[in-house]
Amino acid sequence: MRFLTMTLINKNSKLVVGFAIAVSLFALVLKIGDTKAQTSSSIGMPTSGSCAMLMTMPVPLGWTNLANIRTGFNILGRITFTGANSAIFSGAVVNPRYQSNNSPTVSPSDTVHLNNIPVSITAMTASTGFEGGYKMTFTLNNSFGTSIDLNAIPANNSKTILLQSSGGLEPASGVCQL
């Protein structure tokens, strides 16, 4: 009888310990799942430092006559933030020539280098775009036009900025990584 009582106590103890471990793990999973994601509106644009920028425009698929059509295709550059509402852009815009076989080619004359282009940064609101977003206006005053507007949203504690063209530039999307 004594052996049977000890065996039941040991089995019950193991059940109690197992149950306690299961409840603790469940609580931990709930705690991890309860962690709030950082909202974009709580992340601001950088006020200093630089990010490497890459934007790509879509290739005009489906066009039947592509011989010597030129369109913006890639932008590679650096944005240097100089304050809460300003930055400077320097980089290159590559405008390939599309061949009739749908293979773009790039020659040295297809690349335009831009240096020290002023950029103004304005926070968006629900009435001017979307909350947490920013409008970046690149002032060009050259053969590309007078300005390019990009929608921007910082992420990754402002170390990554997602970009999307919104005016003065063909459809494009990209990223700027600090």
Protein backbone atom coordinates (compact mmCIF):
# COMPACT_ATOMS: atom_id res chain seq x y z
CA MET A 1 0.00 0.00 0.00
CA ARG A 2 2.83 2.33 0.87
CA PHE A 3 4.46 1.61 -2.53
CA LEU A 4 1.17 2.34 -4.32
CA THR A 5 0.73 5.64 -2.44
CA MET A 6 4.29 6.78 -3.31
CA THR A 7 3.76 5.83 -6.96
CA LEU A 8 0.54 7.86 -7.15
CA ILE A 9 2.21 10.85 -5.48
CA ASN A 10 5.14 10.67 -7.93
CA LYS A 11 2.78 10.42 -10.91
CA ASN A 12 0.65 13.28 -9.59
CA SER A 13 3.76 15.39 -8.97
CA LYS A 14 4.90 14.81 -12.55
CA LEU A 15 1.44 15.79 -13.79
CA VAL A 16 1.45 18.94 -11.69
CA VAL A 17 4.96 19.89 -12.87
CA GLY A 18 4.04 19.11 -16.49
CA PHE A 19 0.85 21.15 -16.19
CA ALA A 20 2.78 24.08 -14.67
CA ILE A 21 5.33 23.98 -17.50
CA ALA A 22 2.55 23.86 -20.12
CA VAL A 23 0.76 26.84 -18.55
CA SER A 24 4.03 28.81 -18.36
CA LEU A 25 4.83 28.11 -22.03
CA PHE A 26 1.31 29.10 -23.05
CA ALA A 27 1.61 32.35 -21.09
CA LEU A 28 4.97 33.05 -22.76
CA VAL A 29 3.49 32.48 -26.21
CA LEU A 30 0.64 34.85 -25.37
CA LYS A 31 3.10 37.46 -24.13
CA ILE A 32 5.19 37.21 -27.30
CA GLY A 33 2.05 37.38 -29.46
CA ASP A 34 0.84 40.37 -27.45
CA THR A 35 3.95 42.40 -28.31
CA LYS A 36 2.76 45.41 -30.27
CA ALA A 37 4.34 46.08 -33.64
CA GLN A 38 5.90 49.49 -33.95
CA THR A 39 3.54 51.62 -36.01
CA SER A 40 4.88 53.64 -38.89
CA SER A 41 3.55 56.84 -37.37
CA SER A 42 5.83 56.40 -34.36
CA ILE A 43 8.92 56.21 -36.57
CA GLY A 44 10.28 59.45 -37.96
CA MET A 45 12.50 60.16 -40.92
CA PRO A 46 16.21 60.43 -40.13
CA THR A 47 17.51 63.93 -39.43
CA SER A 48 21.17 63.10 -40.12
CA GLY A 49 23.24 60.42 -41.80
CA SER A 50 22.99 58.93 -45.27
CA CYS A 51 21.11 56.10 -46.91
CA ALA A 52 21.92 54.19 -50.09
CA MET A 53 18.98 54.42 -52.50
CA LEU A 54 17.90 52.06 -55.27
CA MET A 55 14.70 52.60 -57.24
CA THR A 56 13.56 50.59 -60.23
CA MET A 57 10.89 51.44 -62.74
CA PRO A 58 8.94 48.61 -64.36
CA VAL A 59 10.00 47.43 -67.81
CA PRO A 60 7.28 48.27 -70.36
CA LEU A 61 6.11 44.73 -70.96
CA GLY A 62 3.68 44.16 -73.75
CA TRP A 63 4.88 47.03 -75.92
CA THR A 64 5.27 45.80 -79.48
CA ASN A 65 7.47 48.59 -80.88
CA LEU A 66 10.35 49.10 -78.47
CA ALA A 67 13.05 50.17 -80.92
CA ASN A 68 15.00 53.02 -79.29
CA ILE A 69 12.30 53.85 -76.76
CA ARG A 70 13.94 55.41 -73.71
CA THR A 71 12.46 55.45 -70.27
CA GLY A 72 13.82 55.80 -66.77
CA PHE A 73 14.71 52.38 -65.43
CA ASN A 74 17.09 52.52 -62.46
CA ILE A 75 18.12 55.16 -59.96
CA LEU A 76 21.09 54.54 -57.71
CA GLY A 77 22.30 57.17 -55.29
CA ARG A 78 22.69 58.49 -51.79
CA ILE A 79 20.36 60.65 -49.75
CA THR A 80 22.13 62.64 -47.04
CA PHE A 81 19.74 63.97 -44.40
CA THR A 82 20.58 67.52 -43.30
CA GLY A 83 17.66 68.15 -40.93
CA ALA A 84 14.13 67.15 -40.05
CA ASN A 85 12.76 68.56 -43.33
CA SER A 86 15.69 68.49 -45.72
CA ALA A 87 18.21 66.29 -47.49
CA ILE A 88 20.59 66.25 -50.44
CA PHE A 89 20.54 63.61 -53.22
CA SER A 90 23.44 62.57 -55.44
CA GLY A 91 23.28 59.63 -57.79
CA ALA A 92 22.78 58.28 -61.29
CA VAL A 93 19.69 57.70 -63.41
CA VAL A 94 20.07 55.01 -66.07
CA ASN A 95 17.77 55.31 -69.09
CA PRO A 96 18.21 52.16 -71.18
CA ARG A 97 17.25 51.79 -74.81
CA TYR A 98 14.77 49.01 -75.39
CA GLN A 99 15.41 46.83 -78.40
CA SER A 100 12.67 45.24 -80.48
CA ASN A 101 13.59 41.88 -78.96
CA ASN A 102 12.67 43.33 -75.52
CA SER A 103 16.26 43.36 -74.28
CA PRO A 104 17.29 46.74 -72.85
CA THR A 105 20.80 47.99 -73.55
CA VAL A 106 22.69 50.70 -71.72
CA SER A 107 25.40 52.92 -73.16
CA PRO A 108 27.37 55.66 -71.37
CA SER A 109 25.07 58.28 -72.90
CA ASP A 110 22.09 56.57 -71.20
CA THR A 111 23.35 57.49 -67.71
CA VAL A 112 22.70 60.89 -66.17
CA HIS A 113 24.62 61.84 -63.03
CA LEU A 114 22.88 64.14 -60.58
CA ASN A 115 24.80 65.88 -57.80
CA ASN A 116 23.66 67.85 -54.76
CA ILE A 117 19.95 67.86 -55.59
CA PRO A 118 17.97 69.53 -52.75
CA VAL A 119 15.22 67.38 -51.20
CA SER A 120 12.41 68.73 -49.04
CA ILE A 121 10.67 66.33 -46.63
CA THR A 122 7.09 66.88 -45.47
CA ALA A 123 5.14 64.64 -43.09
CA MET A 124 1.84 63.42 -44.51
CA THR A 125 -1.46 63.34 -42.66
CA ALA A 126 -4.70 61.53 -43.45
CA SER A 127 -5.81 64.55 -45.52
CA THR A 128 -2.51 64.93 -47.44
CA GLY A 129 -1.69 61.27 -48.04
CA PHE A 130 -1.50 58.71 -45.29
CA GLU A 131 -0.55 58.90 -41.63
CA GLY A 132 3.04 57.87 -40.99
CA GLY A 133 4.08 58.66 -44.55
CA TYR A 134 6.28 61.43 -45.91
CA LYS A 135 6.50 63.31 -49.19
CA MET A 136 10.02 63.82 -50.50
CA THR A 137 10.37 66.43 -53.25
CA PHE A 138 13.60 66.41 -55.28
CA THR A 139 14.12 69.81 -56.95
CA LEU A 140 15.80 69.19 -60.33
CA ASN A 141 15.36 72.10 -62.77
CA ASN A 142 16.98 70.16 -65.61
CA SER A 143 15.99 68.01 -68.58
CA PHE A 144 14.02 65.66 -66.30
CA GLY A 145 11.68 68.47 -65.29
CA THR A 146 11.46 70.69 -62.26
CA SER A 147 10.83 68.15 -59.50
CA ILE A 148 10.25 64.52 -58.58
CA ASP A 149 7.93 63.54 -55.73
CA LEU A 150 8.29 60.30 -53.80
CA ASN A 151 6.07 58.80 -51.14
CA ALA A 152 8.30 57.57 -48.33
CA ILE A 153 7.75 55.57 -45.19
CA PRO A 154 10.46 54.82 -42.64
CA ALA A 155 10.70 51.35 -41.11
CA ASN A 156 13.20 49.33 -39.13
CA ASN A 157 13.74 52.15 -36.59
CA SER A 158 14.31 54.63 -39.47
CA LYS A 159 17.14 52.53 -40.92
CA THR A 160 15.04 51.56 -43.95
CA ILE A 161 12.95 53.95 -46.03
CA LEU A 162 10.52 52.48 -48.53
CA LEU A 163 10.02 54.69 -51.60
CA GLN A 164 7.34 55.00 -54.29
CA SER A 165 7.12 57.57 -57.09
CA SER A 166 4.14 59.87 -56.84
CA GLY A 167 4.82 62.61 -59.38
CA GLY A 168 7.25 63.77 -62.04
CA LEU A 169 8.66 60.27 -62.52
CA GLU A 170 7.45 57.10 -64.14
CA PRO A 171 6.05 54.40 -61.85
CA ALA A 172 8.86 53.30 -59.56
CA SER A 173 9.49 51.74 -56.19
CA GLY A 174 12.57 51.20 -54.15
CA VAL A 175 14.33 51.46 -50.83
CA CYS A 176 16.90 53.62 -49.10
CA GLN A 177 18.94 51.75 -46.51
CA LEU A 178 20.91 53.52 -43.75
